[in-house]
PDB file of N, CA and C in Angstrom:
ATOM      1  N   UNK A   1      -2.287   7.244  14.499  1.00  0.00           N
ATOM      2  CA  UNK A   1      -1.115   7.064  13.660  1.00  0.00           C
ATOM      3  C   UNK A   1      -0.746   5.585  13.527  1.00  0.00           C
ATOM      4  N   UNK A   2      -1.085   4.783  14.525  1.00  0.00           N
ATOM      5  CA  UNK A   2      -0.753   3.360  14.479  1.00  0.00           C
ATOM      6  C   UNK A   2      -1.444   2.666  13.318  1.00  0.00           C
ATOM      7  N   UNK A   3      -2.728   2.942  13.109  1.00  0.00           N
ATOM      8  CA  UNK A   3      -3.462   2.310  12.016  1.00  0.00           C
ATOM      9  C   UNK A   3      -2.891   2.756  10.679  1.00  0.00           C
ATOM     10  N   UNK A   4      -2.647   4.043  10.532  1.00  0.00           N
ATOM     11  CA  UNK A   4      -2.085   4.565   9.288  1.00  0.00           C
ATOM     12  C   UNK A   4      -0.725   3.945   8.994  1.00  0.00           C
ATOM     13  N   UNK A   5       0.098   3.848  10.002  1.00  0.00           N
ATOM     14  CA  UNK A   5       1.423   3.245   9.841  1.00  0.00           C
ATOM     15  C   UNK A   5       1.317   1.786   9.409  1.00  0.00           C
ATOM     16  N   UNK A   6       0.410   1.053  10.035  1.00  0.00           N
ATOM     17  CA  UNK A   6       0.226  -0.360   9.716  1.00  0.00           C
ATOM     18  C   UNK A   6      -0.303  -0.549   8.298  1.00  0.00           C
ATOM     19  N   UNK A   7      -1.324   0.209   7.933  1.00  0.00           N
ATOM     20  CA  UNK A   7      -1.904   0.081   6.601  1.00  0.00           C
ATOM     21  C   UNK A   7      -0.935   0.516   5.506  1.00  0.00           C
ATOM     22  N   UNK A   8      -0.180   1.560   5.767  1.00  0.00           N
ATOM     23  CA  UNK A   8       0.812   1.998   4.778  1.00  0.00           C
ATOM     24  C   UNK A   8       1.869   0.925   4.556  1.00  0.00           C
ATOM     25  N   UNK A   9       2.306   0.274   5.638  1.00  0.00           N
ATOM     26  CA  UNK A   9       3.294  -0.800   5.504  1.00  0.00           C
ATOM     27  C   UNK A   9       2.713  -1.993   4.768  1.00  0.00           C
ATOM     28  N   UNK A  10       1.454  -2.335   5.041  1.00  0.00           N
ATOM     29  CA  UNK A  10       0.813  -3.431   4.307  1.00  0.00           C
ATOM     30  C   UNK A  10       0.741  -3.128   2.819  1.00  0.00           C
ATOM     31  N   UNK A  11       0.361  -1.911   2.470  1.00  0.00           N
ATOM     32  CA  UNK A  11       0.304  -1.513   1.058  1.00  0.00           C
ATOM     33  C   UNK A  11       1.693  -1.561   0.436  1.00  0.00           C
ATOM     34  N   UNK A  12       2.679  -1.140   1.176  1.00  0.00           N
ATOM     35  CA  UNK A  12       4.050  -1.153   0.682  1.00  0.00           C
ATOM     36  C   UNK A  12       4.524  -2.583   0.420  1.00  0.00           C
ATOM     37  N   UNK A  13       4.242  -3.476   1.357  1.00  0.00           N
ATOM     38  CA  UNK A  13       4.622  -4.879   1.185  1.00  0.00           C
ATOM     39  C   UNK A  13       3.863  -5.521   0.029  1.00  0.00           C
ATOM     40  N   UNK A  14       2.594  -5.171  -0.112  1.00  0.00           N
ATOM     41  CA  UNK A  14       1.809  -5.694  -1.231  1.00  0.00           C
ATOM     42  C   UNK A  14       2.376  -5.211  -2.565  1.00  0.00           C
ATOM     43  N   UNK A  15       2.782  -3.967  -2.628  1.00  0.00           N
ATOM     44  CA  UNK A  15       3.389  -3.435  -3.859  1.00  0.00           C
ATOM     45  C   UNK A  15       4.694  -4.164  -4.160  1.00  0.00           C
ATOM     46  N   UNK A  16       5.476  -4.463  -3.136  1.00  0.00           N
ATOM     47  CA  UNK A  16       6.701  -5.244  -3.345  1.00  0.00           C
ATOM     48  C   UNK A  16       6.378  -6.635  -3.881  1.00  0.00           C
ATOM     49  N   UNK A  17       5.321  -7.247  -3.381  1.00  0.00           N
ATOM     50  CA  UNK A  17       4.922  -8.578  -3.854  1.00  0.00           C
ATOM     51  C   UNK A  17       4.515  -8.531  -5.328  1.00  0.00           C
ATOM     52  N   UNK A  18       3.827  -7.474  -5.738  1.00  0.00           N
ATOM     53  CA  UNK A  18       3.483  -7.295  -7.162  1.00  0.00           C
ATOM     54  C   UNK A  18       4.762  -7.151  -7.974  1.00  0.00           C
ATOM     55  N   UNK A  19       5.661  -6.323  -7.502  1.00  0.00           N
ATOM     56  CA  UNK A  19       6.940  -6.102  -8.199  1.00  0.00           C
ATOM     57  C   UNK A  19       7.731  -7.392  -8.350  1.00  0.00           C
ATOM     58  N   UNK A  20       7.707  -8.218  -7.315  1.00  0.00           N
ATOM     59  CA  UNK A  20       8.475  -9.463  -7.322  1.00  0.00           C
ATOM     60  C   UNK A  20       7.778 -10.590  -8.079  1.00  0.00           C
ATOM     61  N   UNK A  21       6.584 -10.312  -8.606  1.00  0.00           N
ATOM     62  CA  UNK A  21       5.863 -11.312  -9.380  1.00  0.00           C
ATOM     63  C   UNK A  21       5.168 -12.369  -8.547  1.00  0.00           C
ATOM     64  N   UNK A  22       4.983 -12.107  -7.269  1.00  0.00           N
ATOM     65  CA  UNK A  22       4.306 -13.058  -6.392  1.00  0.00           C
ATOM     66  C   UNK A  22       2.855 -13.227  -6.829  1.00  0.00           C
ATOM     67  N   UNK A  23       2.222 -12.125  -7.142  1.00  0.00           N
ATOM     68  CA  UNK A  23       0.824 -12.136  -7.550  1.00  0.00           C
ATOM     69  C   UNK A  23       0.487 -10.772  -8.130  1.00  0.00           C
ATOM     70  N   UNK A  24      -0.733 -10.650  -8.668  1.00  0.00           N
ATOM     71  CA  UNK A  24      -1.155  -9.335  -9.147  1.00  0.00           C
ATOM     72  C   UNK A  24      -1.931  -8.622  -8.034  1.00  0.00           C
ATOM     73  N   UNK A  25      -2.233  -7.350  -8.273  1.00  0.00           N
ATOM     74  CA  UNK A  25      -2.899  -6.539  -7.253  1.00  0.00           C
ATOM     75  C   UNK A  25      -4.223  -7.135  -6.798  1.00  0.00           C
ATOM     76  N   UNK A  26      -5.040  -7.547  -7.750  1.00  0.00           N
ATOM     77  CA  UNK A  26      -6.374  -8.058  -7.413  1.00  0.00           C
ATOM     78  C   UNK A  26      -6.287  -9.294  -6.528  1.00  0.00           C
ATOM     79  N   UNK A  27      -5.380 -10.188  -6.843  1.00  0.00           N
ATOM     80  CA  UNK A  27      -5.257 -11.412  -6.046  1.00  0.00           C
ATOM     81  C   UNK A  27      -4.694 -11.139  -4.649  1.00  0.00           C
ATOM     82  N   UNK A  28      -3.783 -10.204  -4.545  1.00  0.00           N
ATOM     83  CA  UNK A  28      -3.254  -9.839  -3.221  1.00  0.00           C
ATOM     84  C   UNK A  28      -4.365  -9.231  -2.375  1.00  0.00           C
ATOM     85  N   UNK A  29      -5.134  -8.322  -2.959  1.00  0.00           N
ATOM     86  CA  UNK A  29      -6.239  -7.721  -2.217  1.00  0.00           C
ATOM     87  C   UNK A  29      -7.260  -8.779  -1.810  1.00  0.00           C
ATOM     88  N   UNK A  30      -7.580  -9.692  -2.716  1.00  0.00           N
ATOM     89  CA  UNK A  30      -8.528 -10.770  -2.387  1.00  0.00           C
ATOM     90  C   UNK A  30      -7.990 -11.664  -1.281  1.00  0.00           C
ATOM     91  N   UNK A  31      -6.715 -11.989  -1.336  1.00  0.00           N
ATOM     92  CA  UNK A  31      -6.116 -12.840  -0.311  1.00  0.00           C
ATOM     93  C   UNK A  31      -6.235 -12.192   1.070  1.00  0.00           C
ATOM     94  N   UNK A  32      -6.008 -10.914   1.159  1.00  0.00           N
ATOM     95  CA  UNK A  32      -6.105 -10.240   2.445  1.00  0.00           C
ATOM     96  C   UNK A  32      -7.561 -10.089   2.899  1.00  0.00           C
ATOM     97  N   UNK A  33      -8.461  -9.877   1.959  1.00  0.00           N
ATOM     98  CA  UNK A  33      -9.877  -9.758   2.318  1.00  0.00           C
ATOM     99  C   UNK A  33     -10.429 -11.095   2.799  1.00  0.00           C
ATOM    100  N   UNK A  34     -10.166 -12.147   2.040  1.00  0.00           N
ATOM    101  CA  UNK A  34     -10.771 -13.434   2.362  1.00  0.00           C
ATOM    102  C   UNK A  34      -9.908 -14.294   3.287  1.00  0.00           C
ATOM    103  N   UNK A  35      -8.601 -14.172   3.193  1.00  0.00           N
ATOM    104  CA  UNK A  35      -7.712 -14.986   4.014  1.00  0.00           C
ATOM    105  C   UNK A  35      -7.441 -14.392   5.377  1.00  0.00           C
ATOM    106  N   UNK A  36      -7.377 -13.066   5.454  1.00  0.00           N
ATOM    107  CA  UNK A  36      -7.079 -12.410   6.725  1.00  0.00           C
ATOM    108  C   UNK A  36      -8.287 -11.639   7.270  1.00  0.00           C
ATOM    109  N   UNK A  37      -9.400 -11.710   6.541  1.00  0.00           N
ATOM    110  CA  UNK A  37     -10.648 -11.062   6.950  1.00  0.00           C
ATOM    111  C   UNK A  37     -10.516  -9.545   7.056  1.00  0.00           C
ATOM    112  N   UNK A  38      -9.659  -8.953   6.225  1.00  0.00           N
ATOM    113  CA  UNK A  38      -9.564  -7.505   6.159  1.00  0.00           C
ATOM    114  C   UNK A  38     -10.762  -6.991   5.373  1.00  0.00           C
ATOM    115  N   UNK A  39     -11.285  -5.821   5.704  1.00  0.00           N
ATOM    116  CA  UNK A  39     -12.428  -5.297   4.960  1.00  0.00           C
ATOM    117  C   UNK A  39     -12.054  -4.872   3.540  1.00  0.00           C
ATOM    118  N   UNK A  40     -10.802  -4.502   3.328  1.00  0.00           N
ATOM    119  CA  UNK A  40     -10.290  -4.098   2.019  1.00  0.00           C
ATOM    120  C   UNK A  40      -8.884  -4.661   1.873  1.00  0.00           C
ATOM    121  N   UNK A  41      -8.472  -4.868   0.645  1.00  0.00           N
ATOM    122  CA  UNK A  41      -7.100  -5.284   0.412  1.00  0.00           C
ATOM    123  C   UNK A  41      -6.161  -4.109   0.616  1.00  0.00           C
ATOM    124  N   UNK A  42      -4.880  -4.363   0.836  1.00  0.00           N
ATOM    125  CA  UNK A  42      -3.940  -3.280   1.116  1.00  0.00           C
ATOM    126  C   UNK A  42      -3.762  -2.303  -0.046  1.00  0.00           C
ATOM    127  N   UNK A  43      -3.803  -2.796  -1.268  1.00  0.00           N
ATOM    128  CA  UNK A  43      -3.643  -1.884  -2.402  1.00  0.00           C
ATOM    129  C   UNK A  43      -4.934  -1.130  -2.701  1.00  0.00           C
ATOM    130  N   UNK A  44      -6.078  -1.768  -2.470  1.00  0.00           N
ATOM    131  CA  UNK A  44      -7.355  -1.055  -2.601  1.00  0.00           C
ATOM    132  C   UNK A  44      -7.429   0.064  -1.567  1.00  0.00           C
ATOM    133  N   UNK A  45      -6.985  -0.234  -0.361  1.00  0.00           N
ATOM    134  CA  UNK A  45      -6.960   0.797   0.677  1.00  0.00           C
ATOM    135  C   UNK A  45      -6.046   1.953   0.266  1.00  0.00           C
ATOM    136  N   UNK A  46      -4.865   1.627  -0.221  1.00  0.00           N
ATOM    137  CA  UNK A  46      -3.912   2.673  -0.605  1.00  0.00           C
ATOM    138  C   UNK A  46      -4.459   3.533  -1.737  1.00  0.00           C
ATOM    139  N   UNK A  47      -5.137   2.912  -2.694  1.00  0.00           N
ATOM    140  CA  UNK A  47      -5.743   3.681  -3.788  1.00  0.00           C
ATOM    141  C   UNK A  47      -6.846   4.597  -3.259  1.00  0.00           C
ATOM    142  N   UNK A  48      -7.660   4.101  -2.326  1.00  0.00           N
ATOM    143  CA  UNK A  48      -8.735   4.914  -1.764  1.00  0.00           C
ATOM    144  C   UNK A  48      -8.182   6.046  -0.903  1.00  0.00           C
ATOM    145  N   UNK A  49      -7.147   5.752  -0.158  1.00  0.00           N
ATOM    146  CA  UNK A  49      -6.510   6.756   0.685  1.00  0.00           C
ATOM    147  C   UNK A  49      -5.784   7.779  -0.178  1.00  0.00           C
ATOM    148  N   UNK A  50      -5.213   7.292  -1.248  1.00  0.00           N
ATOM    149  CA  UNK A  50      -4.400   8.110  -2.138  1.00  0.00           C
ATOM    150  C   UNK A  50      -2.993   7.560  -2.145  1.00  0.00           C
ATOM    151  N   UNK A  51      -2.577   7.053  -3.283  1.00  0.00           N
ATOM    152  CA  UNK A  51      -1.241   6.444  -3.360  1.00  0.00           C
ATOM    153  C   UNK A  51      -0.144   7.451  -3.040  1.00  0.00           C
ATOM    154  N   UNK A  52      -0.298   8.672  -3.507  1.00  0.00           N
ATOM    155  CA  UNK A  52       0.714   9.691  -3.209  1.00  0.00           C
ATOM    156  C   UNK A  52       0.774   9.974  -1.715  1.00  0.00           C
ATOM    157  N   UNK A  53      -0.390   9.971  -1.064  1.00  0.00           N
ATOM    158  CA  UNK A  53      -0.418  10.185   0.387  1.00  0.00           C
ATOM    159  C   UNK A  53       0.237   9.017   1.120  1.00  0.00           C
ATOM    160  N   UNK A  54      -0.013   7.792   0.642  1.00  0.00           N
ATOM    161  CA  UNK A  54       0.620   6.620   1.256  1.00  0.00           C
ATOM    162  C   UNK A  54       2.139   6.699   1.125  1.00  0.00           C
ATOM    163  N   UNK A  55       2.613   7.104  -0.048  1.00  0.00           N
ATOM    164  CA  UNK A  55       4.057   7.265  -0.263  1.00  0.00           C
ATOM    165  C   UNK A  55       4.616   8.332   0.670  1.00  0.00           C
ATOM    166  N   UNK A  56       3.886   9.408   0.843  1.00  0.00           N
ATOM    167  CA  UNK A  56       4.343  10.484   1.721  1.00  0.00           C
ATOM    168  C   UNK A  56       4.436  10.005   3.174  1.00  0.00           C
ATOM    169  N   UNK A  57       3.413   9.285   3.627  1.00  0.00           N
ATOM    170  CA  UNK A  57       3.427   8.747   4.987  1.00  0.00           C
ATOM    171  C   UNK A  57       4.611   7.804   5.169  1.00  0.00           C
ATOM    172  N   UNK A  58       4.786   6.881   4.214  1.00  0.00           N
ATOM    173  CA  UNK A  58       5.900   5.945   4.297  1.00  0.00           C
ATOM    174  C   UNK A  58       7.238   6.670   4.323  1.00  0.00           C
ATOM    175  N   UNK A  59       7.388   7.677   3.489  1.00  0.00           N
ATOM    176  CA  UNK A  59       8.649   8.437   3.447  1.00  0.00           C
ATOM    177  C   UNK A  59       8.950   9.088   4.789  1.00  0.00           C
ATOM    178  N   UNK A  60       7.933   9.674   5.395  1.00  0.00           N
ATOM    179  CA  UNK A  60       8.129  10.314   6.698  1.00  0.00           C
ATOM    180  C   UNK A  60       8.476   9.292   7.778  1.00  0.00           C
ATOM    181  N   UNK A  61       7.775   8.168   7.771  1.00  0.00           N
ATOM    182  CA  UNK A  61       8.074   7.141   8.771  1.00  0.00           C
ATOM    183  C   UNK A  61       9.484   6.597   8.567  1.00  0.00           C
ATOM    184  N   UNK A  62       9.861   6.346   7.314  1.00  0.00           N
ATOM    185  CA  UNK A  62      11.211   5.844   7.018  1.00  0.00           C
ATOM    186  C   UNK A  62      12.266   6.834   7.498  1.00  0.00           C
ATOM    187  N   UNK A  63      12.004   8.106   7.251  1.00  0.00           N
ATOM    188  CA  UNK A  63      12.964   9.132   7.667  1.00  0.00           C
ATOM    189  C   UNK A  63      13.046   9.217   9.196  1.00  0.00           C
ATOM    190  N   UNK A  64      11.886   9.158   9.846  1.00  0.00           N
ATOM    191  CA  UNK A  64      11.855   9.273  11.308  1.00  0.00           C
ATOM    192  C   UNK A  64      12.454   8.067  12.011  1.00  0.00           C
ATOM    193  N   UNK A  65      12.206   6.871  11.471  1.00  0.00           N
ATOM    194  CA  UNK A  65      12.657   5.651  12.151  1.00  0.00           C
ATOM    195  C   UNK A  65      13.995   5.132  11.633  1.00  0.00           C
ATOM    196  N   UNK A  66      14.325   5.483  10.401  1.00  0.00           N
ATOM    197  CA  UNK A  66      15.531   4.950   9.781  1.00  0.00           C
ATOM    198  C   UNK A  66      15.379   3.498   9.359  1.00  0.00           C
ATOM    199  N   UNK A  67      14.150   2.965   9.391  1.00  0.00           N
ATOM    200  CA  UNK A  67      13.910   1.570   9.045  1.00  0.00           C
ATOM    201  C   UNK A  67      13.598   1.427   7.560  1.00  0.00           C
ATOM    202  N   UNK A  68      14.327   0.521   6.918  1.00  0.00           N
ATOM    203  CA  UNK A  68      14.167   0.272   5.485  1.00  0.00           C
ATOM    204  C   UNK A  68      12.772  -0.207   5.114  1.00  0.00           C
ATOM    205  N   UNK A  69      12.118  -0.932   6.013  1.00  0.00           N
ATOM    206  CA  UNK A  69      10.814  -1.501   5.675  1.00  0.00           C
ATOM    207  C   UNK A  69       9.766  -0.440   5.395  1.00  0.00           C
ATOM    208  N   UNK A  70      10.021   0.793   5.789  1.00  0.00           N
ATOM    209  CA  UNK A  70       9.078   1.873   5.527  1.00  0.00           C
ATOM    210  C   UNK A  70       9.447   2.688   4.289  1.00  0.00           C
ATOM    211  N   UNK A  71      10.585   2.400   3.690  1.00  0.00           N
ATOM    212  CA  UNK A  71      10.949   3.121   2.470  1.00  0.00           C
ATOM    213  C   UNK A  71       9.950   2.741   1.381  1.00  0.00           C
ATOM    214  N   UNK A  72       9.346   3.708   0.692  1.00  0.00           N
ATOM    215  CA  UNK A  72       8.341   3.379  -0.324  1.00  0.00           C
ATOM    216  C   UNK A  72       8.877   2.418  -1.380  1.00  0.00           C
ATOM    217  N   UNK A  73       8.068   1.426  -1.671  1.00  0.00           N
ATOM    218  CA  UNK A  73       8.406   0.406  -2.664  1.00  0.00           C
ATOM    219  C   UNK A  73       8.656   1.031  -4.031  1.00  0.00           C
ATOM    220  N   UNK A  74       9.583   0.454  -4.752  1.00  0.00           N
ATOM    221  CA  UNK A  74       9.856   0.913  -6.113  1.00  0.00           C
ATOM    222  C   UNK A  74       8.666   0.633  -7.034  1.00  0.00           C
ATOM    223  N   UNK A  75       7.763  -0.229  -6.632  1.00  0.00           N
ATOM    224  CA  UNK A  75       6.518  -0.470  -7.371  1.00  0.00           C
ATOM    225  C   UNK A  75       5.474   0.585  -7.014  1.00  0.00           C
ATOM    226  N   UNK A  76       5.454   1.000  -5.767  1.00  0.00           N
ATOM    227  CA  UNK A  76       4.452   1.955  -5.291  1.00  0.00           C
ATOM    228  C   UNK A  76       4.712   3.364  -5.826  1.00  0.00           C
ATOM    229  N   UNK A  77       5.963   3.735  -5.968  1.00  0.00           N
ATOM    230  CA  UNK A  77       6.295   5.092  -6.424  1.00  0.00           C
ATOM    231  C   UNK A  77       5.694   5.424  -7.792  1.00  0.00           C
ATOM    232  N   UNK A  78       5.909   4.588  -8.827  1.00  0.00           N
ATOM    233  CA  UNK A  78       5.295   4.921 -10.116  1.00  0.00           C
ATOM    234  C   UNK A  78       3.773   4.789 -10.101  1.00  0.00           C
ATOM    235  N   UNK A  79       3.248   3.895  -9.269  1.00  0.00           N
ATOM    236  CA  UNK A  79       1.798   3.773  -9.149  1.00  0.00           C
ATOM    237  C   UNK A  79       1.227   5.087  -8.614  1.00  0.00           C
ATOM    238  N   UNK A  80       1.908   5.676  -7.655  1.00  0.00           N
ATOM    239  CA  UNK A  80       1.455   6.938  -7.067  1.00  0.00           C
ATOM    240  C   UNK A  80       1.540   8.074  -8.073  1.00  0.00           C
ATOM    241  N   UNK A  81       2.570   8.067  -8.886  1.00  0.00           N
ATOM    242  CA  UNK A  81       2.733   9.118  -9.893  1.00  0.00           C
ATOM    243  C   UNK A  81       1.680   9.024 -10.988  1.00  0.00           C
ATOM    244  N   UNK A  82       1.248   7.805 -11.292  1.00  0.00           N
ATOM    245  CA  UNK A  82       0.302   7.584 -12.388  1.00  0.00           C
ATOM    246  C   UNK A  82      -1.149   7.750 -11.966  1.00  0.00           C
ATOM    247  N   UNK A  83      -1.423   7.816 -10.680  1.00  0.00           N
ATOM    248  CA  UNK A  83      -2.794   7.878 -10.186  1.00  0.00           C
ATOM    249  C   UNK A  83      -3.091   9.291  -9.696  1.00  0.00           C
ATOM    250  N   UNK A  84      -3.989  10.021 -10.377  1.00  0.00           N
ATOM    251  CA  UNK A  84      -4.239  11.418 -10.032  1.00  0.00           C
ATOM    252  C   UNK A  84      -4.977  11.640  -8.724  1.00  0.00           C
ATOM    253  N   UNK A  85      -5.819  10.702  -8.283  1.00  0.00           N
ATOM    254  CA  UNK A  85      -6.568  10.936  -7.049  1.00  0.00           C
ATOM    255  C   UNK A  85      -7.016   9.653  -6.422  1.00  0.00           C
ATOM    256  N   UNK A  86      -7.716   9.800  -5.348  1.00  0.00           N
ATOM    257  CA  UNK A  86      -8.212   8.641  -4.613  1.00  0.00           C
ATOM    258  C   UNK A  86      -9.466   8.093  -5.276  1.00  0.00           C
ATOM    259  N   UNK A  87      -9.584   6.789  -5.254  1.00  0.00           N
ATOM    260  CA  UNK A  87     -10.795   6.126  -5.759  1.00  0.00           C
ATOM    261  C   UNK A  87     -11.598   5.646  -4.557  1.00  0.00           C
ATOM    262  N   UNK A  88     -12.894   5.526  -4.695  1.00  0.00           N
ATOM    263  CA  UNK A  88     -13.682   5.036  -3.558  1.00  0.00           C
ATOM    264  C   UNK A  88     -13.398   3.567  -3.300  1.00  0.00           C
ATOM    265  N   UNK A  89     -13.620   3.133  -2.059  1.00  0.00           N
ATOM    266  CA  UNK A  89     -13.445   1.726  -1.718  1.00  0.00           C
ATOM    267  C   UNK A  89     -14.429   0.889  -2.494  1.00  0.00           C
ATOM    268  N   UNK A  90     -13.959  -0.221  -3.007  1.00  0.00           N
ATOM    269  CA  UNK A  90     -14.844  -1.185  -3.695  1.00  0.00           C
ATOM    270  C   UNK A  90     -15.098  -2.334  -2.738  1.00  0.00           C
ATOM    271  N   UNK A  91     -16.297  -2.819  -2.723  1.00  0.00           N
ATOM    272  CA  UNK A  91     -16.610  -3.933  -1.825  1.00  0.00           C
ATOM    273  C   UNK A  91     -16.759  -5.207  -2.616  1.00  0.00           C
TER     274      UNK A  91
END
């Protein structure tokens, strides 16, 4: 559960960064892959895992902990609604 919690929060923060105009999805994923040596970017991971599933995990964690940082991003929610299924990881 620790890995899932961490990755869901990273995807959530990345979605907030897209919403705030910090960068686009591709650049955020590249920054995490090349700058932090992650095997996949946080949004690529969330898409592969399933955006709706990521939102569900975040919602449960937010409810269980009461921490705002786990509340699904307002950017992630419509992304999850618009994406019908998981895509394979791209390398």
